[in-house]
């Protein structure tokens, strides 16, 4: 029994389907996850309440205030460096 000849449309259909049988291109790797850093928590910088009555207490209160201010400055510097 003779076969009917293929029409050009059917041949083009088969040719169009051939690329679908090839291997797909390599999928790109996902981007690395974003690293998030958290800045340290900020706490209040209370200055000590002092009421010096003599020169010795005045010198001590000055040292305590200076230490409290240095602590606050260190907190501010750490936040600035983090940001």
N, C-alpha and C. Protein backbone atom coordinates (compact mmCIF):
# COMPACT_ATOMS: atom_id res chain seq x y z
N UNK A 1 0.85 -1.16 0.00
CA UNK A 1 0.00 0.00 0.00
C UNK A 1 0.90 1.23 0.00
N UNK A 2 0.72 2.10 -0.95
CA UNK A 2 1.57 3.28 -1.05
C UNK A 2 1.20 4.32 0.03
N UNK A 3 2.24 5.01 0.54
CA UNK A 3 2.02 6.07 1.53
C UNK A 3 1.81 7.39 0.83
N UNK A 4 0.94 8.21 1.36
CA UNK A 4 0.78 9.52 0.75
C UNK A 4 1.99 10.40 1.09
N UNK A 5 2.40 11.25 0.20
CA UNK A 5 3.56 12.11 0.48
C UNK A 5 3.24 13.11 1.62
N UNK A 6 4.28 13.46 2.36
CA UNK A 6 4.10 14.43 3.45
C UNK A 6 3.96 15.83 2.87
N UNK A 7 3.08 16.56 3.44
CA UNK A 7 2.91 17.94 3.00
C UNK A 7 3.98 18.80 3.68
N UNK A 8 4.33 19.95 3.10
CA UNK A 8 5.35 20.79 3.71
C UNK A 8 4.97 21.26 5.12
N UNK A 9 3.71 21.42 5.42
CA UNK A 9 3.29 21.87 6.75
C UNK A 9 3.64 20.86 7.82
N UNK A 10 3.46 19.59 7.53
CA UNK A 10 3.77 18.54 8.51
C UNK A 10 5.27 18.46 8.72
N UNK A 11 6.05 18.58 7.65
CA UNK A 11 7.50 18.53 7.77
C UNK A 11 8.00 19.70 8.60
N UNK A 12 7.46 20.88 8.39
CA UNK A 12 7.87 22.04 9.18
C UNK A 12 7.48 21.88 10.65
N UNK A 13 6.36 21.24 10.91
CA UNK A 13 5.96 21.00 12.28
C UNK A 13 6.96 20.10 12.99
N UNK A 14 7.40 19.04 12.32
CA UNK A 14 8.39 18.15 12.92
C UNK A 14 9.71 18.88 13.15
N UNK A 15 10.11 19.72 12.19
CA UNK A 15 11.35 20.47 12.35
C UNK A 15 11.25 21.48 13.49
N UNK A 16 10.08 22.04 13.68
CA UNK A 16 9.90 23.00 14.76
C UNK A 16 9.95 22.33 16.13
N UNK A 17 9.58 21.06 16.20
CA UNK A 17 9.57 20.35 17.47
C UNK A 17 10.95 19.82 17.86
N UNK A 18 11.88 19.77 16.92
CA UNK A 18 13.19 19.22 17.23
C UNK A 18 13.93 20.00 18.33
N UNK A 19 13.92 21.32 18.36
CA UNK A 19 14.65 21.99 19.44
C UNK A 19 14.08 21.67 20.83
N UNK A 20 12.83 21.26 20.90
CA UNK A 20 12.24 20.94 22.19
C UNK A 20 12.84 19.66 22.76
N UNK A 21 13.48 18.86 21.93
CA UNK A 21 14.09 17.63 22.42
C UNK A 21 15.51 17.85 22.92
N UNK A 22 16.07 19.03 22.73
CA UNK A 22 17.44 19.27 23.18
C UNK A 22 17.46 19.54 24.68
N UNK A 23 18.64 19.49 25.25
CA UNK A 23 18.74 19.73 26.68
C UNK A 23 18.56 21.22 26.95
N UNK A 24 17.91 21.56 28.04
CA UNK A 24 17.70 22.97 28.35
C UNK A 24 19.02 23.62 28.78
N UNK A 25 19.12 24.91 28.61
CA UNK A 25 20.34 25.59 29.06
C UNK A 25 20.46 25.51 30.58
N UNK A 26 21.67 25.61 31.06
CA UNK A 26 21.90 25.53 32.50
C UNK A 26 21.17 26.67 33.20
N UNK A 27 20.50 26.33 34.28
CA UNK A 27 19.78 27.36 35.02
C UNK A 27 20.78 28.18 35.82
N UNK A 28 20.58 29.46 35.88
CA UNK A 28 21.52 30.28 36.66
C UNK A 28 21.41 29.97 38.14
N UNK A 29 22.52 30.07 38.82
CA UNK A 29 22.50 29.82 40.26
C UNK A 29 21.79 30.97 40.96
N UNK A 30 21.07 30.67 42.01
CA UNK A 30 20.37 31.76 42.72
C UNK A 30 21.40 32.68 43.37
N UNK A 31 21.05 33.93 43.54
CA UNK A 31 21.99 34.86 44.16
C UNK A 31 22.21 34.48 45.62
N UNK A 32 23.36 34.81 46.16
CA UNK A 32 23.60 34.47 47.57
C UNK A 32 22.66 35.25 48.47
N UNK A 33 22.33 34.70 49.62
CA UNK A 33 21.42 35.41 50.52
C UNK A 33 22.06 36.69 51.02
N UNK A 34 21.23 37.68 51.25
CA UNK A 34 21.73 38.94 51.76
C UNK A 34 22.11 38.80 53.22
N UNK A 35 23.24 39.34 53.55
CA UNK A 35 23.69 39.30 54.94
C UNK A 35 23.18 40.55 55.63
N UNK A 36 22.51 40.34 56.70
CA UNK A 36 22.02 41.49 57.45
C UNK A 36 22.73 41.56 58.77
N UNK A 37 23.21 42.70 59.07
CA UNK A 37 23.85 42.89 60.36
C UNK A 37 22.97 43.81 61.19
N UNK A 38 22.91 43.49 62.42
CA UNK A 38 22.11 44.32 63.31
C UNK A 38 23.03 45.18 64.15
N UNK A 39 22.66 46.41 64.23
CA UNK A 39 23.43 47.33 65.06
C UNK A 39 23.12 47.04 66.53
N UNK A 40 24.07 47.33 67.40
CA UNK A 40 23.81 47.07 68.82
C UNK A 40 22.65 47.92 69.33
N UNK A 41 22.00 47.39 70.32
CA UNK A 41 20.87 48.11 70.91
C UNK A 41 21.36 49.36 71.63
N UNK A 42 20.60 50.40 71.50
CA UNK A 42 20.95 51.66 72.15
C UNK A 42 20.22 51.73 73.48
N UNK A 43 20.96 52.06 74.49
CA UNK A 43 20.36 52.23 75.81
C UNK A 43 20.51 53.68 76.23
N UNK A 44 19.70 54.07 77.15
CA UNK A 44 19.75 55.45 77.63
C UNK A 44 21.07 55.71 78.34
N UNK A 45 21.51 56.94 78.27
CA UNK A 45 22.76 57.34 78.92
C UNK A 45 22.44 58.29 80.08
N UNK A 46 22.01 57.75 81.18
CA UNK A 46 21.69 58.64 82.30
C UNK A 46 22.97 59.15 82.97
N UNK A 47 22.97 60.40 83.29
CA UNK A 47 24.08 60.97 84.06
C UNK A 47 23.75 60.83 85.54
N UNK A 48 24.73 60.47 86.33
CA UNK A 48 24.45 60.28 87.76
C UNK A 48 24.08 61.60 88.42
N UNK A 49 23.10 61.52 89.28
CA UNK A 49 22.68 62.71 90.03
C UNK A 49 23.54 62.82 91.27
N UNK A 50 24.28 63.91 91.34
CA UNK A 50 25.20 64.10 92.46
C UNK A 50 24.98 65.47 93.08
N UNK A 51 25.29 65.56 94.35
CA UNK A 51 25.20 66.84 95.06
C UNK A 51 26.44 66.97 95.95
N UNK A 52 27.57 67.33 95.34
CA UNK A 52 28.80 67.42 96.14
C UNK A 52 28.72 68.57 97.15
N UNK A 53 29.29 68.33 98.31
CA UNK A 53 29.30 69.37 99.35
C UNK A 53 30.70 69.87 99.67
N UNK A 54 31.72 69.15 99.17
CA UNK A 54 33.09 69.63 99.38
C UNK A 54 33.92 69.36 98.12
N UNK A 55 35.16 69.79 98.14
CA UNK A 55 36.00 69.67 96.95
C UNK A 55 36.28 68.22 96.59
N UNK A 56 36.41 67.35 97.55
CA UNK A 56 36.65 65.93 97.27
C UNK A 56 35.47 65.30 96.53
N UNK A 57 34.27 65.60 97.00
CA UNK A 57 33.08 65.07 96.33
C UNK A 57 32.91 65.70 94.94
N UNK A 58 33.31 66.95 94.81
CA UNK A 58 33.22 67.61 93.50
C UNK A 58 34.15 66.93 92.50
N UNK A 59 35.35 66.59 92.93
CA UNK A 59 36.29 65.90 92.05
C UNK A 59 35.76 64.51 91.68
N UNK A 60 35.17 63.82 92.66
CA UNK A 60 34.60 62.49 92.38
C UNK A 60 33.41 62.59 91.42
N UNK A 61 32.57 63.60 91.61
CA UNK A 61 31.40 63.74 90.71
C UNK A 61 31.85 64.08 89.30
N UNK A 62 32.93 64.86 89.18
CA UNK A 62 33.46 65.18 87.85
C UNK A 62 33.92 63.90 87.15
N UNK A 63 34.60 63.02 87.87
CA UNK A 63 35.07 61.76 87.30
C UNK A 63 33.89 60.86 86.89
N UNK A 64 32.86 60.83 87.71
CA UNK A 64 31.68 60.01 87.39
C UNK A 64 30.96 60.54 86.16
N UNK A 65 30.81 61.86 86.06
CA UNK A 65 30.16 62.45 84.88
C UNK A 65 30.99 62.20 83.63
N UNK A 66 32.29 62.34 83.75
CA UNK A 66 33.16 62.12 82.59
C UNK A 66 33.07 60.67 82.12
N UNK A 67 33.06 59.72 83.05
CA UNK A 67 32.94 58.30 82.69
C UNK A 67 31.59 58.03 82.01
N UNK A 68 30.52 58.64 82.50
CA UNK A 68 29.19 58.45 81.89
C UNK A 68 29.15 59.03 80.49
N UNK A 69 29.77 60.19 80.29
CA UNK A 69 29.80 60.81 78.96
C UNK A 69 30.65 59.99 77.99
N UNK A 70 31.75 59.41 78.46
CA UNK A 70 32.58 58.56 77.60
C UNK A 70 31.82 57.30 77.20
N UNK A 71 31.04 56.76 78.12
CA UNK A 71 30.22 55.58 77.80
C UNK A 71 29.19 55.91 76.72
N UNK A 72 28.55 57.06 76.84
CA UNK A 72 27.57 57.49 75.83
C UNK A 72 28.25 57.72 74.48
N UNK A 73 29.42 58.32 74.50
CA UNK A 73 30.15 58.57 73.25
C UNK A 73 30.54 57.25 72.59
N UNK A 74 30.92 56.26 73.38
CA UNK A 74 31.27 54.95 72.82
C UNK A 74 30.05 54.30 72.17
N UNK A 75 28.88 54.45 72.78
CA UNK A 75 27.65 53.90 72.18
C UNK A 75 27.36 54.58 70.85
N UNK A 76 27.49 55.89 70.81
CA UNK A 76 27.22 56.63 69.58
C UNK A 76 28.20 56.22 68.49
N UNK A 77 29.47 56.07 68.85
CA UNK A 77 30.47 55.66 67.86
C UNK A 77 30.20 54.28 67.32
N UNK A 78 29.74 53.36 68.16
CA UNK A 78 29.45 52.01 67.67
C UNK A 78 28.26 52.01 66.71
N UNK A 79 27.27 52.85 66.97
CA UNK A 79 26.12 52.95 66.06
C UNK A 79 26.57 53.56 64.73
N UNK A 80 27.40 54.58 64.78
CA UNK A 80 27.89 55.21 63.54
C UNK A 80 28.69 54.21 62.72
N UNK A 81 29.54 53.43 63.35
CA UNK A 81 30.33 52.44 62.62
C UNK A 81 29.45 51.33 62.06
N UNK A 82 28.40 50.97 62.74
CA UNK A 82 27.50 49.93 62.26
C UNK A 82 26.73 50.38 61.03
N UNK A 83 26.32 51.64 61.04
CA UNK A 83 25.51 52.14 59.92
C UNK A 83 26.42 52.49 58.78
